[in-house]
C-alpha atoms as a PDB file:
ATOM      1  CA  MET A   1      -0.742  -2.321  16.123  1.00  0.00           C
ATOM      2  CA  ILE A   2      -2.272  -2.461  12.839  1.00  0.00           C
ATOM      3  CA  ILE A   3      -0.229  -1.276   9.620  1.00  0.00           C
ATOM      4  CA  LEU A   4      -2.047  -0.494   6.468  1.00  0.00           C
ATOM      5  CA  GLY A   5       0.029  -0.284   3.383  1.00  0.00           C
ATOM      6  CA  ILE A   6      -1.048   1.481   0.334  1.00  0.00           C
ATOM      7  CA  ASP A   7      -0.037   0.927  -3.063  1.00  0.00           C
ATOM      8  CA  PRO A   8      -1.640   4.066  -4.616  1.00  0.00           C
ATOM      9  CA  GLY A   9      -3.253   3.924  -8.383  1.00  0.00           C
ATOM     10  CA  SER A  10      -5.720   5.865 -10.602  1.00  0.00           C
ATOM     11  CA  TYR A  11      -7.234   2.581 -11.424  1.00  0.00           C
ATOM     12  CA  ASN A  12      -6.714   0.218  -8.977  1.00  0.00           C
ATOM     13  CA  VAL A  13      -5.172   0.716  -5.169  1.00  0.00           C
ATOM     14  CA  GLY A  14      -3.634  -2.119  -3.687  1.00  0.00           C
ATOM     15  CA  TYR A  15      -4.055  -2.508   0.132  1.00  0.00           C
ATOM     16  CA  GLY A  16      -2.122  -4.715   2.455  1.00  0.00           C
ATOM     17  CA  ILE A  17      -2.863  -4.962   6.206  1.00  0.00           C
ATOM     18  CA  LEU A  18      -0.188  -6.060   9.035  1.00  0.00           C
ATOM     19  CA  GLN A  19      -1.183  -6.933  12.412  1.00  0.00           C
ATOM     20  CA  VAL A  20       1.993  -6.696  15.190  1.00  0.00           C
ATOM     21  CA  GLU A  21       2.134  -7.837  18.505  1.00  0.00           C
ATOM     22  CA  LYS A  22       5.375  -7.671  20.615  1.00  0.00           C
ATOM     23  CA  ARG A  23       7.484  -7.153  17.463  1.00  0.00           C
ATOM     24  CA  LYS A  24       5.804 -10.014  15.456  1.00  0.00           C
ATOM     25  CA  ILE A  25       3.535 -10.076  12.691  1.00  0.00           C
ATOM     26  CA  VAL A  26       0.688 -12.181  13.553  1.00  0.00           C
ATOM     27  CA  ALA A  27      -1.588 -11.723  10.776  1.00  0.00           C
ATOM     28  CA  ALA A  28      -1.638 -10.455   7.424  1.00  0.00           C
ATOM     29  CA  GLY A  29      -3.935  -9.670   4.349  1.00  0.00           C
ATOM     30  CA  CYS A  30      -4.388  -7.810   1.331  1.00  0.00           C
ATOM     31  CA  ASP A  31      -6.728  -6.784  -1.746  1.00  0.00           C
ATOM     32  CA  THR A  32      -7.500  -4.150  -4.279  1.00  0.00           C
ATOM     33  CA  ILE A  33      -9.986  -1.556  -4.837  1.00  0.00           C
ATOM     34  CA  VAL A  34     -10.446  -2.059  -8.129  1.00  0.00           C
ATOM     35  CA  THR A  35     -12.478   1.173 -10.084  1.00  0.00           C
ATOM     36  CA  ASN A  36     -14.390   1.258 -13.591  1.00  0.00           C
ATOM     37  CA  SER A  37     -11.568   1.506 -15.734  1.00  0.00           C
ATOM     38  CA  LYS A  38     -13.913   3.288 -18.111  1.00  0.00           C
ATOM     39  CA  ALA A  39     -14.958   5.599 -15.764  1.00  0.00           C
ATOM     40  CA  PRO A  40     -13.853   9.634 -15.677  1.00  0.00           C
ATOM     41  CA  LEU A  41     -11.313  10.304 -13.519  1.00  0.00           C
ATOM     42  CA  ALA A  42     -13.591  11.806 -10.971  1.00  0.00           C
ATOM     43  CA  GLU A  43     -15.768   9.099 -10.385  1.00  0.00           C
ATOM     44  CA  ARG A  44     -12.867   6.727 -10.066  1.00  0.00           C
ATOM     45  CA  LEU A  45     -11.598   8.994  -7.518  1.00  0.00           C
ATOM     46  CA  VAL A  46     -14.809   8.572  -5.402  1.00  0.00           C
ATOM     47  CA  GLU A  47     -14.790   5.032  -5.969  1.00  0.00           C
ATOM     48  CA  ILE A  48     -11.103   5.384  -4.409  1.00  0.00           C
ATOM     49  CA  GLN A  49     -12.572   7.527  -1.271  1.00  0.00           C
ATOM     50  CA  SER A  50     -15.269   5.107  -0.697  1.00  0.00           C
ATOM     51  CA  GLY A  51     -12.759   1.985  -0.600  1.00  0.00           C
ATOM     52  CA  MET A  52     -10.698   3.597   1.406  1.00  0.00           C
ATOM     53  CA  ASN A  53     -13.220   4.834   4.258  1.00  0.00           C
ATOM     54  CA  LYS A  54     -14.550   1.100   4.032  1.00  0.00           C
ATOM     55  CA  ILE A  55     -10.836  -0.205   4.807  1.00  0.00           C
ATOM     56  CA  ILE A  56     -10.339   2.480   7.390  1.00  0.00           C
ATOM     57  CA  SER A  57     -13.554   1.532   9.261  1.00  0.00           C
ATOM     58  CA  GLU A  58     -12.990  -2.355   9.095  1.00  0.00           C
ATOM     59  CA  TYR A  59      -9.351  -2.430  10.237  1.00  0.00           C
ATOM     60  CA  LYS A  60      -9.120   0.659  12.087  1.00  0.00           C
ATOM     61  CA  PRO A  61      -4.983   1.112  11.360  1.00  0.00           C
ATOM     62  CA  ASP A  62      -3.180   2.547  13.701  1.00  0.00           C
ATOM     63  CA  ILE A  63      -0.419   3.869  11.146  1.00  0.00           C
ATOM     64  CA  ALA A  64      -0.820   4.124   7.343  1.00  0.00           C
ATOM     65  CA  VAL A  65       2.080   3.885   4.848  1.00  0.00           C
ATOM     66  CA  VAL A  66       1.563   5.276   1.527  1.00  0.00           C
ATOM     67  CA  GLU A  67       4.321   4.772  -1.807  1.00  0.00           C
ATOM     68  CA  THR A  68       5.485   7.924  -2.965  1.00  0.00           C
ATOM     69  CA  ILE A  69       4.996   8.962  -6.830  1.00  0.00           C
ATOM     70  CA  PHE A  70       7.394   7.298  -9.067  1.00  0.00           C
ATOM     71  CA  TYR A  71       7.323   8.530 -12.586  1.00  0.00           C
ATOM     72  CA  GLY A  72       8.789   7.558 -15.943  1.00  0.00           C
ATOM     73  CA  LYS A  73       8.662   9.717 -19.289  1.00  0.00           C
ATOM     74  CA  ASN A  74       4.731  10.187 -18.805  1.00  0.00           C
ATOM     75  CA  ILE A  75       4.147  13.325 -16.860  1.00  0.00           C
ATOM     76  CA  LYS A  76       0.559  13.020 -17.291  1.00  0.00           C
ATOM     77  CA  SER A  77       0.519   9.731 -15.778  1.00  0.00           C
ATOM     78  CA  ALA A  78       2.305  11.343 -12.775  1.00  0.00           C
ATOM     79  CA  PHE A  79      -0.484  13.879 -12.312  1.00  0.00           C
ATOM     80  CA  THR A  80      -3.248  11.405 -12.650  1.00  0.00           C
ATOM     81  CA  LEU A  81      -1.744   9.186  -9.656  1.00  0.00           C
ATOM     82  CA  GLY A  82      -1.236  12.314  -7.884  1.00  0.00           C
ATOM     83  CA  HIS A  83      -5.071  12.782  -7.668  1.00  0.00           C
ATOM     84  CA  ALA A  84      -5.470   9.530  -6.690  1.00  0.00           C
ATOM     85  CA  ARG A  85      -2.763   9.773  -3.862  1.00  0.00           C
ATOM     86  CA  GLY A  86      -4.594  12.922  -2.807  1.00  0.00           C
ATOM     87  CA  VAL A  87      -7.473  11.231  -2.341  1.00  0.00           C
ATOM     88  CA  ILE A  88      -5.854   8.455  -0.365  1.00  0.00           C
ATOM     89  CA  LEU A  89      -3.963  11.108   1.941  1.00  0.00           C
ATOM     90  CA  LEU A  90      -7.139  13.061   2.570  1.00  0.00           C
ATOM     91  CA  SER A  91      -9.117   9.778   3.346  1.00  0.00           C
ATOM     92  CA  LEU A  92      -6.315   9.182   5.956  1.00  0.00           C
ATOM     93  CA  ALA A  93      -5.962  12.407   7.447  1.00  0.00           C
ATOM     94  CA  GLN A  94      -9.922  12.649   8.056  1.00  0.00           C
ATOM     95  CA  HIS A  95      -9.701   9.743  10.373  1.00  0.00           C
ATOM     96  CA  ASN A  96      -6.373  11.067  12.155  1.00  0.00           C
ATOM     97  CA  ILE A  97      -4.620   8.142  10.979  1.00  0.00           C
ATOM     98  CA  GLU A  98      -0.700   8.741  11.244  1.00  0.00           C
ATOM     99  CA  ILE A  99       0.883   8.727   7.475  1.00  0.00           C
ATOM    100  CA  VAL A 100       4.190   7.585   6.340  1.00  0.00           C
ATOM    101  CA  GLU A 101       5.725   7.489   2.674  1.00  0.00           C
ATOM    102  CA  TYR A 102       8.423   5.586   1.439  1.00  0.00           C
ATOM    103  CA  SER A 103       9.730   5.664  -2.303  1.00  0.00           C
ATOM    104  CA  PRO A 104       9.359   2.225  -4.534  1.00  0.00           C
ATOM    105  CA  ARG A 105      13.224   2.269  -4.316  1.00  0.00           C
ATOM    106  CA  GLU A 106      12.996   2.133  -0.050  1.00  0.00           C
ATOM    107  CA  VAL A 107      10.419  -0.308  -0.189  1.00  0.00           C
ATOM    108  CA  LYS A 108      12.418  -2.723  -2.490  1.00  0.00           C
ATOM    109  CA  LYS A 109      15.317  -2.255  -0.522  1.00  0.00           C
ATOM    110  CA  SER A 110      13.545  -3.189   2.992  1.00  0.00           C
ATOM    111  CA  VAL A 111      11.843  -6.159   1.424  1.00  0.00           C
ATOM    112  CA  VAL A 112      14.223  -7.958  -0.957  1.00  0.00           C
ATOM    113  CA  GLY A 113      17.692  -6.036  -0.099  1.00  0.00           C
ATOM    114  CA  ASN A 114      18.103  -4.437  -3.497  1.00  0.00           C
ATOM    115  CA  GLY A 115      16.540  -1.321  -4.728  1.00  0.00           C
ATOM    116  CA  ASN A 116      16.329  -2.036  -8.070  1.00  0.00           C
ATOM    117  CA  ALA A 117      14.552  -5.440  -7.417  1.00  0.00           C
ATOM    118  CA  SER A 118      11.432  -6.472  -9.718  1.00  0.00           C
ATOM    119  CA  LYS A 119       7.759  -6.829  -9.076  1.00  0.00           C
ATOM    120  CA  GLU A 120       8.392 -10.325  -9.247  1.00  0.00           C
ATOM    121  CA  GLN A 121      11.297 -10.634  -6.561  1.00  0.00           C
ATOM    122  CA  VAL A 122       9.190  -8.193  -4.168  1.00  0.00           C
ATOM    123  CA  GLU A 123       6.066 -10.624  -4.551  1.00  0.00           C
ATOM    124  CA  TYR A 124       8.336 -13.701  -3.666  1.00  0.00           C
ATOM    125  CA  MET A 125      10.000 -11.920  -0.901  1.00  0.00           C
ATOM    126  CA  VAL A 126       6.608 -11.072   0.645  1.00  0.00           C
ATOM    127  CA  GLN A 127       4.713 -14.483   0.131  1.00  0.00           C
ATOM    128  CA  LYS A 128       8.125 -15.976   2.010  1.00  0.00           C
ATOM    129  CA  ILE A 129       8.588 -13.165   4.653  1.00  0.00           C
ATOM    130  CA  LEU A 130       4.916 -13.328   5.694  1.00  0.00           C
ATOM    131  CA  ASN A 131       4.682 -17.246   5.053  1.00  0.00           C
ATOM    132  CA  LEU A 132       1.595 -17.050   2.718  1.00  0.00           C
ATOM    133  CA  SER A 133       0.252 -20.150   1.312  1.00  0.00           C
ATOM    134  CA  THR A 134      -0.582 -18.354  -1.913  1.00  0.00           C
ATOM    135  CA  LYS A 135       0.676 -15.450  -3.694  1.00  0.00           C
ATOM    136  CA  PRO A 136      -1.401 -12.106  -3.607  1.00  0.00           C
ATOM    137  CA  LYS A 137      -4.122 -11.746  -6.093  1.00  0.00           C
ATOM    138  CA  THR A 138      -2.596  -8.888  -7.904  1.00  0.00           C
ATOM    139  CA  GLU A 139       0.925  -6.892  -7.689  1.00  0.00           C
ATOM    140  CA  ASP A 140      -0.993  -3.898  -6.081  1.00  0.00           C
ATOM    141  CA  ALA A 141      -1.966  -6.237  -3.496  1.00  0.00           C
ATOM    142  CA  ALA A 142       1.517  -7.635  -3.003  1.00  0.00           C
ATOM    143  CA  ASP A 143       3.363  -4.310  -3.648  1.00  0.00           C
ATOM    144  CA  ALA A 144       0.869  -2.644  -0.701  1.00  0.00           C
ATOM    145  CA  LEU A 145       1.790  -5.915   1.684  1.00  0.00           C
ATOM    146  CA  ALA A 146       5.852  -4.677   0.815  1.00  0.00           C
ATOM    147  CA  ILE A 147       5.154  -1.282   1.674  1.00  0.00           C
ATOM    148  CA  ALA A 148       3.325  -2.198   4.971  1.00  0.00           C
ATOM    149  CA  LEU A 149       6.385  -4.465   5.807  1.00  0.00           C
ATOM    150  CA  CYS A 150       9.029  -1.606   4.926  1.00  0.00           C
ATOM    151  CA  GLN A 151       7.379   0.254   7.825  1.00  0.00           C
ATOM    152  CA  PHE A 152       7.552  -2.948   9.976  1.00  0.00           C
ATOM    153  CA  ASN A 153      11.185  -3.648   9.081  1.00  0.00           C
ATOM    154  CA  LYS A 154      12.359   0.215   9.694  1.00  0.00           C
ATOM    155  CA  ASN A 155      10.208   0.398  12.948  1.00  0.00           C
ATOM    156  CA  LYS A 156       9.868  -2.983  14.554  1.00  0.00           C
ATOM    157  CA  PHE A 157      11.489  -2.252  17.818  1.00  0.00           C
ATOM    158  CA  LYS A 158       9.053   0.197  18.353  1.00  0.00           C
ATOM    159  CA  TYR A 159       6.070  -2.127  18.192  1.00  0.00           C
END
């Protein structure tokens, strides 16, 4: 079973891969789709779709877990993020990959035990749980692994 965790963004999209066999994580990896921050939104969305298609082709995930939108005071940012999430969900649906969504609070509670955990706490726990020798390259990649871990934790007896 391959679980693909995705931390959506309009500039960078973190992704984490967990390979699960007999209820155990046997491999984990992560990276970030980095778009040209100076490019218009439409061009960045094309870059995100292209990156997603490469990831799907390379890893052939059985299930994808995507973080839901978190918005603060800036509604424009939430709408822009919504466009990126739409492209990500479309790419997954076009490849017939099952999609599950969790809120940032659910992910933090599952991985750290506290729905109000800081980014640093999440990153630390991801590194410890997965026994990674170095921390993920970006916060987005660490968050994506946490999202994949949330799915594993909630459904480990199915795998």
